[in-house]
N, C-alpha and C. Protein backbone atom coordinates (compact mmCIF):
# COMPACT_ATOMS: atom_id res chain seq x y z
N MET A 1 -89.45 123.92 -120.27
CA MET A 1 -88.11 124.35 -120.93
C MET A 1 -86.91 123.69 -119.95
N LEU A 2 -86.00 122.84 -120.45
CA LEU A 2 -84.59 122.85 -119.82
C LEU A 2 -83.90 124.00 -119.24
N LYS A 3 -83.37 123.90 -118.42
CA LYS A 3 -82.43 124.68 -117.80
C LYS A 3 -81.04 124.68 -117.66
N LEU A 4 -79.85 124.99 -117.89
CA LEU A 4 -78.91 124.86 -117.47
C LEU A 4 -78.32 125.27 -116.24
N VAL A 5 -77.39 124.83 -115.48
CA VAL A 5 -76.95 125.56 -114.15
C VAL A 5 -76.71 127.01 -113.92
N LEU A 6 -76.34 127.67 -115.31
CA LEU A 6 -76.21 128.83 -115.00
C LEU A 6 -77.52 129.56 -115.43
N GLY A 7 -78.55 128.99 -115.87
CA GLY A 7 -79.78 129.64 -116.13
C GLY A 7 -80.16 129.79 -117.53
N TRP A 8 -79.26 129.26 -118.38
CA TRP A 8 -79.40 129.51 -119.76
C TRP A 8 -80.66 128.32 -120.50
N PRO A 9 -81.33 129.21 -121.16
CA PRO A 9 -82.13 127.96 -121.60
C PRO A 9 -81.30 126.93 -122.79
N LEU A 10 -81.25 125.81 -122.68
CA LEU A 10 -80.83 124.76 -123.59
C LEU A 10 -81.83 124.43 -124.63
N MET A 11 -83.29 124.36 -124.64
CA MET A 11 -84.15 124.20 -125.68
C MET A 11 -85.42 125.43 -125.60
N ASP A 12 -85.06 126.41 -126.03
CA ASP A 12 -86.11 127.58 -126.48
C ASP A 12 -86.29 127.96 -127.58
N SER A 13 -87.35 127.87 -128.14
CA SER A 13 -87.62 128.11 -129.49
C SER A 13 -88.00 129.78 -129.59
N GLN A 14 -88.13 130.66 -128.37
CA GLN A 14 -87.98 131.91 -129.14
C GLN A 14 -87.01 132.92 -128.12
N PRO A 15 -86.14 133.63 -128.73
CA PRO A 15 -85.13 133.97 -127.79
C PRO A 15 -85.72 135.11 -126.93
N ALA A 16 -85.07 135.27 -125.54
CA ALA A 16 -85.45 136.07 -124.53
C ALA A 16 -85.16 137.59 -125.05
N THR A 17 -86.29 138.13 -124.55
CA THR A 17 -86.52 139.60 -124.87
C THR A 17 -84.99 140.32 -124.63
N GLY A 18 -84.51 141.16 -125.57
CA GLY A 18 -83.01 141.72 -125.55
C GLY A 18 -82.11 140.54 -125.80
N GLY A 19 -82.07 139.65 -125.78
CA GLY A 19 -81.16 138.50 -125.64
C GLY A 19 -80.41 138.17 -126.82
N LEU A 20 -79.97 137.17 -126.52
CA LEU A 20 -78.99 136.88 -127.88
C LEU A 20 -80.11 135.33 -128.31
N SER A 21 -80.08 134.91 -129.45
CA SER A 21 -80.61 133.97 -130.06
C SER A 21 -79.77 133.04 -130.17
N ARG A 22 -80.09 132.04 -130.60
CA ARG A 22 -79.18 130.67 -130.63
C ARG A 22 -78.44 130.99 -132.10
N ARG A 23 -79.33 131.50 -133.23
CA ARG A 23 -78.80 131.75 -134.25
C ARG A 23 -77.64 133.01 -134.54
N ASN A 24 -78.18 133.89 -133.83
CA ASN A 24 -76.94 134.89 -133.67
C ASN A 24 -75.75 134.65 -132.84
N PHE A 25 -75.86 133.72 -131.82
CA PHE A 25 -74.73 133.17 -130.82
C PHE A 25 -73.89 132.77 -132.01
N ALA A 26 -74.64 131.67 -132.73
CA ALA A 26 -73.97 130.43 -133.90
C ALA A 26 -73.16 131.47 -134.80
N ARG A 27 -73.86 132.88 -135.15
CA ARG A 27 -73.13 133.64 -135.92
C ARG A 27 -71.94 134.18 -135.79
N THR A 28 -71.88 134.72 -134.49
CA THR A 28 -71.19 135.49 -134.08
C THR A 28 -69.78 134.50 -133.63
N LEU A 29 -69.92 133.20 -133.24
CA LEU A 29 -69.13 132.42 -132.90
C LEU A 29 -68.36 131.85 -134.17
N LEU A 30 -69.12 131.81 -135.04
CA LEU A 30 -68.14 131.39 -136.41
C LEU A 30 -67.28 132.55 -136.88
N GLY A 31 -67.78 134.03 -136.88
CA GLY A 31 -67.47 134.68 -137.07
C GLY A 31 -65.89 135.17 -136.41
N GLY A 32 -65.88 134.77 -134.96
CA GLY A 32 -65.00 134.83 -134.23
C GLY A 32 -63.95 134.04 -134.47
N GLY A 33 -64.59 132.45 -134.71
CA GLY A 33 -63.45 131.35 -135.20
C GLY A 33 -62.82 131.63 -136.05
N THR A 34 -63.93 132.16 -137.50
CA THR A 34 -62.94 132.76 -138.50
C THR A 34 -62.08 133.50 -138.63
N ALA A 35 -61.92 134.65 -137.78
CA ALA A 35 -61.05 135.60 -137.25
C ALA A 35 -59.79 134.84 -136.91
N ALA A 36 -60.12 134.19 -135.97
CA ALA A 36 -59.10 133.57 -135.14
C ALA A 36 -57.97 132.80 -136.18
N ALA A 37 -58.51 131.95 -136.98
CA ALA A 37 -58.25 131.04 -137.62
C ALA A 37 -57.08 131.70 -138.91
N LEU A 38 -57.42 132.82 -139.48
CA LEU A 38 -57.01 133.68 -140.17
C LEU A 38 -55.90 134.39 -139.51
N ALA A 39 -55.72 134.79 -138.68
CA ALA A 39 -54.34 135.35 -137.87
C ALA A 39 -53.74 134.66 -137.55
N CYS A 40 -54.23 133.17 -137.19
CA CYS A 40 -53.18 132.14 -136.78
C CYS A 40 -52.67 132.04 -138.22
N ALA A 41 -53.23 131.37 -138.83
CA ALA A 41 -52.66 131.14 -140.40
C ALA A 41 -51.73 132.23 -140.89
N ALA A 42 -51.84 133.96 -140.81
CA ALA A 42 -51.16 134.56 -141.19
C ALA A 42 -49.96 134.77 -140.29
N ALA A 43 -49.86 134.24 -138.89
CA ALA A 43 -48.58 134.00 -137.95
C ALA A 43 -47.79 133.33 -138.73
N SER A 44 -48.57 132.13 -139.06
CA SER A 44 -47.67 130.68 -139.43
C SER A 44 -46.89 130.92 -140.53
N MET A 45 -47.78 132.04 -141.17
CA MET A 45 -47.04 132.07 -143.03
C MET A 45 -45.74 133.07 -142.35
N SER A 46 -45.91 134.08 -141.68
CA SER A 46 -44.65 134.72 -141.18
C SER A 46 -43.47 134.11 -140.50
N ALA A 47 -43.99 133.07 -139.57
CA ALA A 47 -42.93 132.49 -138.89
C ALA A 47 -42.37 131.57 -140.21
N VAL A 48 -42.87 131.12 -141.21
CA VAL A 48 -41.80 130.18 -141.78
C VAL A 48 -40.99 130.89 -142.79
N GLY A 49 -41.51 131.99 -142.79
CA GLY A 49 -40.55 132.98 -144.00
C GLY A 49 -39.45 133.57 -142.94
N GLN A 50 -39.46 133.56 -142.03
CA GLN A 50 -38.23 133.90 -140.88
C GLN A 50 -36.72 133.16 -141.12
N SER A 51 -35.57 133.52 -140.86
CA SER A 51 -34.29 132.81 -141.18
C SER A 51 -34.25 131.64 -140.02
N VAL A 52 -33.28 130.85 -140.50
CA VAL A 52 -33.09 129.54 -139.53
C VAL A 52 -32.04 130.19 -138.56
N PRO A 53 -31.80 129.97 -136.95
CA PRO A 53 -30.48 129.90 -136.43
C PRO A 53 -29.68 129.85 -136.92
N PRO A 54 -28.27 130.36 -136.75
CA PRO A 54 -26.73 129.67 -136.79
C PRO A 54 -26.35 128.76 -136.54
N GLU A 55 -25.99 127.75 -137.24
CA GLU A 55 -25.83 126.39 -136.34
C GLU A 55 -24.55 126.73 -135.45
N VAL A 56 -24.65 125.72 -134.62
CA VAL A 56 -23.78 125.89 -133.73
C VAL A 56 -22.51 124.72 -133.84
N ALA A 57 -21.80 124.75 -133.43
CA ALA A 57 -20.44 124.10 -134.03
C ALA A 57 -20.92 123.01 -133.40
N PRO A 58 -20.32 121.34 -133.56
CA PRO A 58 -20.30 120.33 -132.65
C PRO A 58 -19.78 120.21 -131.52
N ALA A 59 -18.45 120.73 -131.63
CA ALA A 59 -17.48 120.88 -130.42
C ALA A 59 -18.11 121.78 -129.58
N SER A 60 -18.29 122.98 -129.82
CA SER A 60 -19.14 123.89 -128.71
C SER A 60 -19.99 122.97 -127.80
N GLU A 61 -21.35 122.62 -129.33
CA GLU A 61 -22.43 122.28 -128.35
C GLU A 61 -22.06 120.87 -127.25
N THR A 62 -21.08 120.28 -127.90
CA THR A 62 -20.70 118.79 -126.99
C THR A 62 -20.06 119.78 -125.56
N GLU A 63 -19.30 120.60 -125.35
CA GLU A 63 -18.86 121.21 -124.33
C GLU A 63 -20.05 121.82 -123.45
N ALA A 64 -21.08 122.35 -124.10
CA ALA A 64 -21.91 123.05 -123.24
C ALA A 64 -23.16 122.03 -122.89
N THR A 65 -23.36 120.95 -123.69
CA THR A 65 -23.92 119.71 -122.99
C THR A 65 -23.58 119.08 -121.84
N VAL A 66 -21.93 118.72 -122.08
CA VAL A 66 -21.21 118.13 -120.78
C VAL A 66 -21.44 118.90 -119.86
N ALA A 67 -20.97 120.42 -119.76
CA ALA A 67 -21.16 121.26 -118.62
C ALA A 67 -22.55 121.54 -118.56
N ARG A 68 -23.62 121.41 -118.92
CA ARG A 68 -24.69 121.03 -118.66
C ARG A 68 -25.24 120.13 -117.52
N VAL A 69 -24.69 119.23 -118.04
CA VAL A 69 -24.95 117.66 -117.40
C VAL A 69 -24.03 117.77 -116.33
N LEU A 70 -23.23 117.97 -116.23
CA LEU A 70 -22.42 117.97 -115.08
C LEU A 70 -22.67 118.97 -113.84
N ALA A 71 -23.31 120.06 -114.22
CA ALA A 71 -23.74 120.89 -113.34
C ALA A 71 -25.22 120.34 -112.54
N ARG A 72 -26.00 119.66 -113.29
CA ARG A 72 -26.78 119.06 -112.75
C ARG A 72 -26.73 117.69 -112.12
N TYR A 73 -26.32 116.73 -112.73
CA TYR A 73 -25.89 115.59 -112.29
C TYR A 73 -24.42 115.15 -111.80
N GLY A 74 -23.65 116.27 -111.85
CA GLY A 74 -22.03 115.47 -111.79
C GLY A 74 -21.75 115.37 -110.06
N SER A 75 -22.67 115.68 -109.02
CA SER A 75 -22.73 115.10 -107.88
C SER A 75 -22.61 113.44 -107.87
N ARG A 76 -23.41 113.11 -109.00
CA ARG A 76 -24.06 111.44 -108.94
C ARG A 76 -23.03 110.76 -109.72
N LEU A 77 -22.36 111.52 -110.26
CA LEU A 77 -21.27 110.61 -111.21
C LEU A 77 -20.19 110.35 -110.60
N ASP A 78 -19.34 109.58 -111.05
CA ASP A 78 -18.25 109.04 -110.45
C ASP A 78 -17.07 109.25 -111.59
N ALA A 79 -15.64 109.50 -110.99
CA ALA A 79 -14.95 110.00 -112.05
C ALA A 79 -14.60 109.20 -113.61
N ALA A 80 -15.14 107.97 -113.49
CA ALA A 80 -15.05 107.17 -114.90
C ALA A 80 -16.09 107.67 -115.58
N GLN A 81 -17.45 107.79 -114.98
CA GLN A 81 -18.38 108.08 -115.73
C GLN A 81 -18.59 109.75 -116.28
N LYS A 82 -17.93 110.53 -115.72
CA LYS A 82 -17.50 111.99 -116.13
C LYS A 82 -16.45 112.17 -117.34
N ALA A 83 -15.59 111.28 -117.20
CA ALA A 83 -14.77 110.92 -118.29
C ALA A 83 -15.42 110.46 -119.50
N ARG A 84 -16.38 109.60 -119.41
CA ARG A 84 -16.83 108.84 -120.73
C ARG A 84 -17.90 109.98 -120.95
N LEU A 85 -18.46 110.71 -120.40
CA LEU A 85 -19.57 112.06 -120.53
C LEU A 85 -19.07 112.61 -122.44
N PRO A 86 -18.04 113.26 -122.09
CA PRO A 86 -17.95 113.85 -123.58
C PRO A 86 -17.86 113.18 -124.69
N ARG A 87 -17.67 111.95 -124.78
CA ARG A 87 -17.69 110.81 -125.75
C ARG A 87 -19.00 110.36 -126.03
N ILE A 88 -19.75 110.18 -125.09
CA ILE A 88 -21.26 109.93 -125.37
C ILE A 88 -21.90 110.97 -125.78
N VAL A 89 -21.79 112.11 -125.62
CA VAL A 89 -22.79 113.33 -125.80
C VAL A 89 -21.95 113.63 -127.10
N SER A 90 -21.09 113.33 -127.30
CA SER A 90 -20.59 114.00 -129.21
C SER A 90 -21.00 112.79 -129.87
N GLY A 91 -21.03 111.85 -129.55
CA GLY A 91 -21.56 110.51 -130.14
C GLY A 91 -23.13 110.79 -130.51
N HIS A 92 -24.11 111.37 -129.51
CA HIS A 92 -25.26 111.61 -129.78
C HIS A 92 -25.51 112.77 -130.58
N ILE A 93 -24.76 113.84 -130.53
CA ILE A 93 -24.79 114.78 -131.26
C ILE A 93 -24.47 114.59 -132.80
N ALA A 94 -23.81 113.54 -133.02
CA ALA A 94 -23.20 113.20 -134.48
C ALA A 94 -24.26 112.61 -135.00
N MET A 95 -25.10 111.43 -133.99
CA MET A 95 -26.37 110.49 -134.68
C MET A 95 -27.34 111.90 -134.90
N LEU A 96 -27.26 113.21 -134.26
CA LEU A 96 -28.45 114.10 -134.68
C LEU A 96 -28.19 114.83 -136.00
N GLU A 97 -26.93 114.90 -136.34
CA GLU A 97 -26.32 116.03 -137.36
C GLU A 97 -27.56 115.40 -138.86
N PRO A 98 -27.87 114.27 -139.28
CA PRO A 98 -28.60 113.78 -140.37
C PRO A 98 -30.08 114.27 -139.91
N ILE A 99 -30.84 114.52 -138.96
CA ILE A 99 -31.74 114.50 -138.54
C ILE A 99 -32.03 116.45 -138.54
N ARG A 100 -30.98 116.98 -138.44
CA ARG A 100 -30.97 118.43 -138.01
C ARG A 100 -30.72 118.98 -139.46
N ALA A 101 -30.51 118.30 -140.31
CA ALA A 101 -29.88 119.00 -141.71
C ALA A 101 -31.12 118.88 -142.76
N ILE A 102 -32.41 118.45 -142.28
CA ILE A 102 -33.66 118.60 -142.95
C ILE A 102 -34.38 119.34 -142.40
N ALA A 103 -34.50 120.48 -143.40
CA ALA A 103 -35.42 121.89 -142.27
C ALA A 103 -36.56 121.44 -142.85
N GLN A 104 -37.46 121.60 -141.58
CA GLN A 104 -38.56 121.17 -141.09
C GLN A 104 -39.41 122.18 -140.62
N PRO A 105 -40.90 123.16 -141.09
CA PRO A 105 -41.23 124.04 -140.53
C PRO A 105 -42.07 123.10 -139.27
N ASN A 106 -42.75 124.34 -138.48
CA ASN A 106 -43.53 124.06 -137.20
C ASN A 106 -44.61 123.37 -137.68
N ALA A 107 -45.47 123.72 -138.56
CA ALA A 107 -46.73 123.45 -139.03
C ALA A 107 -46.56 122.07 -139.72
N ALA A 108 -45.11 121.50 -140.09
CA ALA A 108 -45.08 120.31 -141.01
C ALA A 108 -45.71 119.07 -140.02
N PRO A 109 -46.89 118.25 -141.11
CA PRO A 109 -47.16 117.24 -140.40
C PRO A 109 -46.35 115.78 -140.02
N PRO A 110 -46.75 115.09 -139.25
CA PRO A 110 -45.55 113.89 -138.99
C PRO A 110 -45.33 113.06 -139.90
N ALA A 111 -44.17 112.78 -140.25
CA ALA A 111 -43.61 112.10 -141.53
C ALA A 111 -44.03 110.63 -141.34
N THR A 112 -44.63 109.81 -140.21
CA THR A 112 -45.09 108.66 -140.30
C THR A 112 -46.15 108.74 -139.12
N VAL A 113 -46.96 107.49 -139.47
CA VAL A 113 -48.43 107.30 -139.04
C VAL A 113 -48.26 105.69 -138.46
N LEU A 114 -48.29 105.60 -137.11
CA LEU A 114 -48.18 104.52 -136.63
C LEU A 114 -49.59 103.85 -136.99
N HIS A 115 -49.77 102.73 -137.80
CA HIS A 115 -50.73 102.11 -137.64
C HIS A 115 -50.70 100.62 -137.18
N LEU A 116 -51.62 100.26 -136.58
CA LEU A 116 -52.00 98.67 -135.56
C LEU A 116 -52.70 98.18 -136.21
N VAL A 117 -51.60 97.09 -136.27
CA VAL A 117 -52.69 95.57 -136.97
C VAL A 117 -52.48 94.38 -136.00
N SER A 118 -53.58 93.92 -136.00
CA SER A 118 -54.07 92.70 -135.21
C SER A 118 -53.64 91.58 -135.66
N GLY A 119 -53.31 90.77 -135.20
CA GLY A 119 -53.30 89.29 -135.76
C GLY A 119 -51.64 88.89 -136.48
N GLN A 120 -50.96 89.80 -136.07
CA GLN A 120 -49.54 89.55 -137.19
C GLN A 120 -48.35 90.01 -136.01
């Protein structure tokens, strides 16, 4: 009979006396997995029904982002870069608005899949 490092039998046709058989272990595992899957599904369904957080005005988001960048990297930026930063951040926020307009639940699958094709 083969033994695992912990001493559990890998191939045993007879269950140990008072032990757990492979069949009972599989049933227990399947029951636990099913319960976990149902709990996860119930949690995701309740999360979908939650309200969407209120939208932040682009101007206040720009100011907050600029302040966060300056707090973290301000010592590394010169005056010209600091002056250009609000324009760059506001441009990025404007580009993100069409993407944010589409409401997607967290459980949504990816919109596209990368298919690799050789020879082209």
